[in-house]
Amino acid sequence: MPVARAPSKQPRHGPLSSSPHRSHNPVDSDAAVFKPSGDDVSLPVKKRKDNVASRPKSKPKSAIPLGDVIEISSDDDDAAPSQASIIADLRRQLKKTKEENTRHKHAYEKAHRELTDTREENRVLQTSRRHEKGKLVDTTQLEDNINCEICTARMWSPHLLPDCGHAFCQSCLRDWFSTIQAQFMASNPHYDGNQPSPHSAHIQMLLSNPHTFHRPQIAQQIAQLLTAYQPPRPDYSCPTCREPVKTRPVEDFALKALVRTIASAAGENSPTKTSAASVSRRGNGRGPIGTSGPWDGFFPRI
């Protein structure tokens, strides 16, 4: 038998029932209804779809507390930095490095200027001090000039030999001349150093005559005559250069003052002055006793 299509029914749109367990489901318009032709034949009927609204509502899930939320991230999710960002970062670093170099350069220039100013101030101070106090001299460099060559001590009373220019202590020269005089008197026991020649006064008067200076030949003859009439005497010489000493030594006052000034700067005290007569009376000098001058026993006065 031919299948007869059931007429489509429009669903009723009415108010929903207040009952939670009953709901009106609309009939599907496409569902086909087959009427059987006999009692033993049954045709399948398409089942109507269950309405979602008829299902029981699920219980809403409880919200998870914020403190229990764990954020899970993956390295694969991080995007690689772009080339533009890398270049921008390098430019920032380069700019920062240039600024640091500029600061260091300014600090160096400032320190260099301060060092230059300090050196200039030191130079000015040294120059002014040199002008005020004079040049500083090391006293050890003057040891050979202010010390005696015989005793190597300070020449507190230096005496100069006019024949050669060397200077020695007065006591050292007296001892040196006394040794020469003792050797001479060993072979000339009658020698008296304080007794001048009887003709020496007359000869000296001739030499001091002004007319004698205008006649060199006469002056030379008079000097030879003086040597001939003069009794033998010790051959005194310089302790350093062995130059014959014909005239008595003289006190060098300039060298004496220099020795005392340098000794005072070095913290030394000059000894008390002693006369030659007292030295002779104590027997320290080996010259003749009872003389008035330190050299009268060696070089008689004419």
Foldseek 3Di string as FASTA:
>chain_A
DDFDFDQFDDDDDDDFDPDLQDGDDDDDRPWGDGDDPDDPDDDDGDDDDDDPSNDDDDDDDDDDDPVPDDDDDDPVVDDDDDPVVVVVVVVVVVVVVVVVVVVVVVVVVVVVVVVVVVVVVVVVVVVVVCVVPNDDDDVVVCQVVQAFPPPSHGQLWWWAQVVPGDIHHLLVLLQQLLVQQVVVCVVVVPDFLQDWFPCLVVLVVVLPDPVCVVPVVVNVVSVVVNVVRTDDAGQDADPPPRHTGDDDIGTDVVSNVVSCVSCVVVVHDRDDDDALQVCVVVVSGNFDHPDDHNCCRRHHDD
